[in-house]
N, C-alpha and C. Protein backbone atom coordinates (compact mmCIF):
# COMPACT_ATOMS: atom_id res chain seq x y z
N MET A 1 -51.17 47.87 39.60
CA MET A 1 -49.70 48.62 39.27
C MET A 1 -48.60 47.53 39.70
N PHE A 2 -48.78 46.38 41.17
CA PHE A 2 -47.65 45.66 41.74
C PHE A 2 -47.79 44.36 39.84
N ARG A 3 -48.84 43.87 39.46
CA ARG A 3 -49.47 43.19 38.41
C ARG A 3 -48.33 42.87 37.38
N ARG A 4 -48.50 44.77 36.96
CA ARG A 4 -47.98 44.64 36.10
C ARG A 4 -46.52 44.58 35.77
N THR A 5 -45.93 45.86 37.23
CA THR A 5 -44.22 45.33 37.63
C THR A 5 -43.81 44.23 37.23
N PHE A 6 -44.92 43.28 37.62
CA PHE A 6 -44.27 41.92 37.93
C PHE A 6 -44.34 41.48 36.58
N TRP A 7 -44.77 41.34 35.56
CA TRP A 7 -44.90 40.83 34.08
C TRP A 7 -43.60 41.58 33.34
N PHE A 8 -43.66 42.64 33.57
CA PHE A 8 -42.61 43.69 33.09
C PHE A 8 -40.95 42.85 33.47
N THR A 9 -41.04 42.32 35.13
CA THR A 9 -39.85 42.45 35.13
C THR A 9 -39.67 40.65 34.82
N ALA A 10 -40.70 39.81 34.92
CA ALA A 10 -40.61 38.81 34.28
C ALA A 10 -40.30 38.63 32.96
N GLY A 11 -40.58 39.56 31.77
CA GLY A 11 -40.32 39.38 30.74
C GLY A 11 -39.06 39.87 30.33
N ALA A 12 -38.50 40.74 31.00
CA ALA A 12 -37.07 41.40 30.62
C ALA A 12 -36.13 40.23 31.30
N ALA A 13 -36.58 39.71 32.00
CA ALA A 13 -35.81 38.47 32.54
C ALA A 13 -35.72 37.44 31.86
N ALA A 14 -36.86 37.21 31.15
CA ALA A 14 -36.55 35.90 30.38
C ALA A 14 -36.28 36.71 28.65
N GLY A 15 -35.93 37.77 28.45
CA GLY A 15 -35.29 38.36 27.26
C GLY A 15 -34.17 38.25 27.78
N VAL A 16 -33.46 38.31 28.85
CA VAL A 16 -32.06 38.44 29.11
C VAL A 16 -31.69 37.19 28.91
N TRP A 17 -32.63 36.17 29.72
CA TRP A 17 -32.02 34.66 29.72
C TRP A 17 -31.53 33.87 28.07
N ALA A 18 -32.77 34.36 27.61
CA ALA A 18 -33.28 34.41 26.21
C ALA A 18 -31.79 34.66 25.43
N THR A 19 -31.29 35.69 25.38
CA THR A 19 -30.42 36.46 24.60
C THR A 19 -29.63 35.84 24.71
N THR A 20 -29.03 35.51 26.54
CA THR A 20 -27.59 35.23 26.84
C THR A 20 -27.33 33.63 26.18
N LYS A 21 -28.49 32.74 26.24
CA LYS A 21 -28.32 31.53 25.79
C LYS A 21 -28.13 31.59 23.86
N VAL A 22 -28.85 32.27 23.30
CA VAL A 22 -28.82 32.53 22.08
C VAL A 22 -26.96 33.00 21.80
N ASN A 23 -26.31 34.32 22.69
CA ASN A 23 -25.76 34.21 22.36
C ASN A 23 -24.19 33.23 22.46
N ARG A 24 -24.11 32.46 23.70
CA ARG A 24 -23.36 31.58 24.00
C ARG A 24 -23.45 30.45 22.91
N LYS A 25 -24.94 30.32 22.26
CA LYS A 25 -24.57 29.08 20.73
C LYS A 25 -24.22 29.62 20.03
N LEU A 26 -24.39 30.70 19.57
CA LEU A 26 -23.21 31.65 18.08
C LEU A 26 -22.18 31.50 18.51
N LYS A 27 -21.59 31.81 20.17
CA LYS A 27 -20.56 31.49 20.39
C LYS A 27 -19.31 29.85 20.08
N GLN A 28 -20.46 29.13 20.14
CA GLN A 28 -20.13 27.57 20.21
C GLN A 28 -20.34 27.33 18.47
N LEU A 29 -20.82 28.05 17.61
CA LEU A 29 -20.87 27.97 16.10
C LEU A 29 -19.27 28.51 15.10
N THR A 30 -18.79 29.56 16.18
CA THR A 30 -18.02 29.93 15.09
C THR A 30 -16.97 29.16 14.61
N PRO A 31 -16.65 29.55 13.50
CA PRO A 31 -15.36 28.58 12.96
C PRO A 31 -14.36 28.27 13.76
N GLU A 32 -13.98 28.85 14.75
CA GLU A 32 -12.46 28.96 15.59
C GLU A 32 -13.27 27.79 16.91
N SER A 33 -14.47 27.82 17.47
CA SER A 33 -14.64 26.97 18.45
C SER A 33 -15.01 25.69 18.03
N LEU A 34 -15.32 25.92 16.85
CA LEU A 34 -16.05 24.33 16.16
C LEU A 34 -14.55 23.80 15.98
N ALA A 35 -13.73 24.18 15.56
CA ALA A 35 -12.58 23.41 15.63
C ALA A 35 -11.79 22.97 16.69
N ALA A 36 -11.97 23.73 17.58
CA ALA A 36 -10.90 23.40 19.27
C ALA A 36 -12.01 22.32 19.19
N GLN A 37 -13.50 22.31 19.26
CA GLN A 37 -14.21 21.44 19.38
C GLN A 37 -13.44 20.38 18.91
N ALA A 38 -13.45 19.92 17.56
CA ALA A 38 -12.95 19.18 16.89
C ALA A 38 -11.73 18.54 17.31
N ALA A 39 -10.79 19.59 18.17
CA ALA A 39 -9.81 18.75 18.20
C ALA A 39 -9.07 18.29 19.48
N ASN A 40 -9.94 18.76 20.94
CA ASN A 40 -10.47 18.17 21.93
C ASN A 40 -11.14 16.94 21.87
N LYS A 41 -12.21 16.88 20.60
CA LYS A 41 -12.47 15.06 20.60
C LYS A 41 -11.66 14.12 19.77
N ALA A 42 -10.72 14.97 18.66
CA ALA A 42 -9.57 13.93 18.40
C ALA A 42 -8.77 13.38 19.65
N ILE A 43 -8.25 14.78 20.72
CA ILE A 43 -7.48 14.27 21.44
C ILE A 43 -7.96 13.13 22.25
N GLU A 44 -9.03 13.32 22.46
CA GLU A 44 -9.99 12.77 23.78
C GLU A 44 -9.87 11.31 22.97
N THR A 45 -10.44 11.15 21.92
CA THR A 45 -10.70 9.72 20.71
C THR A 45 -8.75 8.92 20.92
N GLY A 46 -8.49 9.81 20.60
CA GLY A 46 -6.42 9.47 21.05
C GLY A 46 -6.19 8.52 22.31
N HIS A 47 -6.73 9.49 23.89
CA HIS A 47 -6.56 8.85 24.54
C HIS A 47 -7.23 7.62 24.76
N ARG A 48 -8.28 7.68 24.32
CA ARG A 48 -9.75 6.28 24.17
C ARG A 48 -8.69 4.99 23.67
N LEU A 49 -8.45 5.50 22.83
CA LEU A 49 -7.91 4.27 21.44
C LEU A 49 -6.40 3.69 22.42
N LYS A 50 -5.74 4.63 22.75
CA LYS A 50 -4.39 4.45 23.38
C LYS A 50 -4.46 3.63 24.77
N ASP A 51 -5.91 3.70 25.91
CA ASP A 51 -6.46 3.48 26.81
C ASP A 51 -6.39 1.42 26.35
N PHE A 52 -7.21 1.82 25.21
CA PHE A 52 -7.60 0.64 24.86
C PHE A 52 -6.51 -0.35 24.41
N ALA A 53 -4.92 0.11 23.56
CA ALA A 53 -3.97 -0.98 23.25
C ALA A 53 -3.38 -0.96 24.71
N LEU A 54 -3.90 -0.53 25.34
CA LEU A 54 -3.06 -0.88 26.66
C LEU A 54 -3.37 -1.39 27.64
N ASP A 55 -4.76 -1.71 27.46
CA ASP A 55 -5.53 -3.21 28.34
C ASP A 55 -5.45 -4.54 27.27
N ILE A 56 -5.02 -4.06 25.93
CA ILE A 56 -5.12 -5.36 24.96
C ILE A 56 -3.57 -5.90 25.34
N ARG A 57 -2.80 -5.20 25.21
CA ARG A 57 -0.90 -5.47 25.58
C ARG A 57 -1.48 -6.16 27.34
N ASP A 58 -2.29 -5.80 27.81
CA ASP A 58 -2.41 -6.45 29.35
C ASP A 58 -2.93 -7.44 29.31
N GLY A 59 -3.99 -7.61 28.40
CA GLY A 59 -4.61 -9.22 28.49
C GLY A 59 -3.68 -10.10 27.56
N MET A 60 -3.07 -9.53 26.50
CA MET A 60 -2.29 -10.41 26.11
C MET A 60 -0.99 -10.96 26.61
N VAL A 61 -0.53 -10.52 27.40
CA VAL A 61 0.65 -10.89 28.04
C VAL A 61 -0.37 -11.82 30.01
N GLU A 62 -1.25 -11.35 30.29
CA GLU A 62 -2.08 -12.07 31.17
C GLU A 62 -1.86 -13.42 30.58
N ARG A 63 -2.73 -13.50 28.98
CA ARG A 63 -3.06 -14.82 28.83
C ARG A 63 -1.95 -15.55 27.63
N GLU A 64 -0.67 -14.99 28.06
CA GLU A 64 0.50 -15.33 27.58
C GLU A 64 0.54 -16.14 28.60
N ALA A 65 0.95 -15.57 29.95
CA ALA A 65 1.33 -16.04 31.24
C ALA A 65 0.31 -17.32 31.52
N GLU A 66 -0.94 -17.29 31.06
CA GLU A 66 -1.96 -18.43 31.37
C GLU A 66 -1.78 -19.56 30.55
N LEU A 67 -1.15 -19.35 29.67
CA LEU A 67 -0.75 -20.46 28.44
C LEU A 67 0.28 -21.20 28.23
N GLY A 68 1.34 -19.82 28.83
CA GLY A 68 3.02 -20.78 29.35
C GLY A 68 2.84 -21.43 30.54
N GLU A 69 1.57 -21.34 31.63
CA GLU A 69 1.74 -22.25 32.63
C GLU A 69 1.21 -23.22 32.55
N ALA A 70 -0.30 -23.40 31.90
CA ALA A 70 -0.83 -24.77 31.18
C ALA A 70 -0.07 -25.29 30.32
N LEU A 71 0.24 -24.96 29.71
CA LEU A 71 1.95 -25.67 29.17
C LEU A 71 3.40 -25.95 29.57
N GLY A 72 3.29 -25.51 30.96
CA GLY A 72 4.60 -25.74 31.48
C GLY A 72 6.00 -25.40 30.90
N LEU A 73 5.64 -24.41 30.11
CA LEU A 73 6.77 -23.62 30.08
C LEU A 73 7.16 -22.81 31.30
N ARG A 74 8.54 -22.27 31.04
CA ARG A 74 9.41 -21.68 31.93
C ARG A 74 9.44 -20.04 31.58
N ASN A 75 9.69 -18.76 32.57
CA ASN A 75 10.14 -18.33 31.51
C ASN A 75 11.25 -17.88 32.19
N ASP A 76 11.94 -18.64 32.34
CA ASP A 76 13.43 -18.66 33.04
C ASP A 76 14.50 -17.96 31.44
N PRO A 77 14.86 -16.63 31.37
CA PRO A 77 15.61 -16.71 30.41
C PRO A 77 17.02 -17.60 30.21
N ASP A 78 17.77 -17.52 31.12
CA ASP A 78 18.68 -18.72 30.98
C ASP A 78 18.80 -20.04 31.26
N ALA A 79 17.41 -20.67 31.20
CA ALA A 79 17.42 -21.83 30.52
C ALA A 79 17.87 -22.41 29.45
N GLU A 80 18.54 -23.53 29.40
CA GLU A 80 19.04 -23.84 27.86
C GLU A 80 18.05 -24.33 27.05
N LEU A 81 18.10 -23.81 26.18
CA LEU A 81 16.74 -24.26 25.13
C LEU A 81 17.00 -25.67 24.14
N ALA A 82 15.84 -26.14 24.29
CA ALA A 82 16.02 -27.61 23.41
C ALA A 82 16.42 -27.52 22.05
N PRO A 83 17.53 -28.33 21.54
CA PRO A 83 17.91 -28.51 20.47
C PRO A 83 16.61 -28.86 19.59
N PRO A 84 16.79 -27.93 18.24
CA PRO A 84 16.08 -27.81 17.56
C PRO A 84 15.52 -29.44 16.68
N ARG A 85 14.21 -29.50 16.12
CA ARG A 85 14.02 -30.82 16.06
C ARG A 85 14.52 -30.93 14.35
N ARG A 86 14.52 -31.91 13.42
CA ARG A 86 14.71 -32.08 12.37
C ARG A 86 13.27 -33.10 11.98
N PHE A 87 12.72 -32.47 10.70
CA PHE A 87 11.63 -33.28 10.37
C PHE A 87 12.57 -34.41 9.05
N ALA A 88 11.35 -35.08 9.00
CA ALA A 88 11.15 -36.12 8.20
C ALA A 88 11.54 -35.43 6.83
N VAL A 89 10.53 -34.68 6.69
CA VAL A 89 9.89 -33.57 5.16
C VAL A 89 11.43 -33.31 4.61
N ILE A 90 12.28 -32.68 5.42
CA ILE A 90 13.43 -32.16 5.06
C ILE A 90 14.67 -33.03 4.34
N GLU A 91 14.40 -33.96 4.90
CA GLU A 91 15.49 -35.26 4.63
C GLU A 91 15.12 -35.78 3.24
N SER A 92 13.94 -35.77 3.10
CA SER A 92 13.30 -36.50 1.67
C SER A 92 13.27 -36.02 0.87
N HIS A 93 13.41 -34.16 0.97
CA HIS A 93 12.93 -33.54 0.35
C HIS A 93 13.90 -33.68 -0.99
N SER A 94 15.21 -33.69 -0.65
CA SER A 94 16.23 -33.78 -1.50
C SER A 94 16.11 -34.66 -2.51
N SER A 95 15.35 -36.04 -2.12
CA SER A 95 15.16 -37.15 -3.15
C SER A 95 14.06 -36.61 -4.24
N TYR A 96 13.07 -35.93 -3.48
CA TYR A 96 11.84 -35.79 -4.42
C TYR A 96 12.47 -34.75 -5.30
N LYS A 97 13.20 -33.62 -4.95
CA LYS A 97 13.82 -33.27 -5.96
C LYS A 97 14.87 -33.53 -7.19
N ASN A 98 15.55 -35.19 -7.12
CA ASN A 98 15.94 -35.71 -8.10
C ASN A 98 14.86 -36.35 -8.86
N ASP A 99 13.65 -36.75 -8.82
CA ASP A 99 12.68 -37.63 -9.09
C ASP A 99 11.95 -36.61 -9.63
N MET A 100 11.77 -34.98 -9.54
CA MET A 100 11.50 -34.49 -10.30
C MET A 100 12.22 -34.03 -11.69
N LYS A 101 13.31 -34.32 -11.37
CA LYS A 101 14.76 -33.72 -12.73
C LYS A 101 13.91 -34.95 -13.91
N THR A 102 13.66 -36.07 -13.97
CA THR A 102 13.23 -37.25 -14.62
C THR A 102 12.20 -37.44 -15.16
N GLN A 103 11.20 -36.70 -14.59
CA GLN A 103 9.93 -36.77 -15.09
C GLN A 103 9.55 -35.44 -16.34
N TYR A 104 8.65 -36.46 -17.32
CA TYR A 104 8.22 -35.00 -18.31
C TYR A 104 7.98 -33.76 -17.87
N ASN A 105 8.59 -32.78 -17.87
CA ASN A 105 7.45 -31.50 -18.08
C ASN A 105 6.56 -31.46 -19.33
N ARG A 106 5.52 -31.25 -19.16
CA ARG A 106 4.86 -31.17 -20.30
C ARG A 106 4.75 -29.55 -20.61
N ASN A 107 5.42 -28.19 -20.35
CA ASN A 107 4.85 -27.28 -20.63
C ASN A 107 6.74 -26.89 -21.48
N GLU A 108 8.10 -28.00 -22.02
CA GLU A 108 8.66 -28.08 -22.74
C GLU A 108 8.05 -27.80 -24.32
N ASP A 109 6.70 -28.61 -24.76
CA ASP A 109 6.45 -28.79 -26.29
C ASP A 109 5.87 -27.22 -26.47
N HIS A 110 5.99 -26.71 -25.57
CA HIS A 110 5.12 -25.51 -26.28
C HIS A 110 6.13 -23.62 -26.46
């Protein structure tokens, strides 16, 4: 008698447990639940991307400071800037234009 009661109770408990599991899984698979899960994943992904972008920005600032230190650049905003350089290419460009006017343009024939 005790043996039958034990197995009946064990079977009933297993049935309740299985029914509960199946009902939970069915609730997770409803369209509303799937939409909520997708929204939560999208928000989580957005936070991860934001954290990644902030890490990248911090790394860029750190690297810029390292390069500035290595190159001997100052971060003083009140420091006077050096005058802009003039390159020889700019000065000789006008003579190049004058030479081009006198040359033959082979596209004029057509």
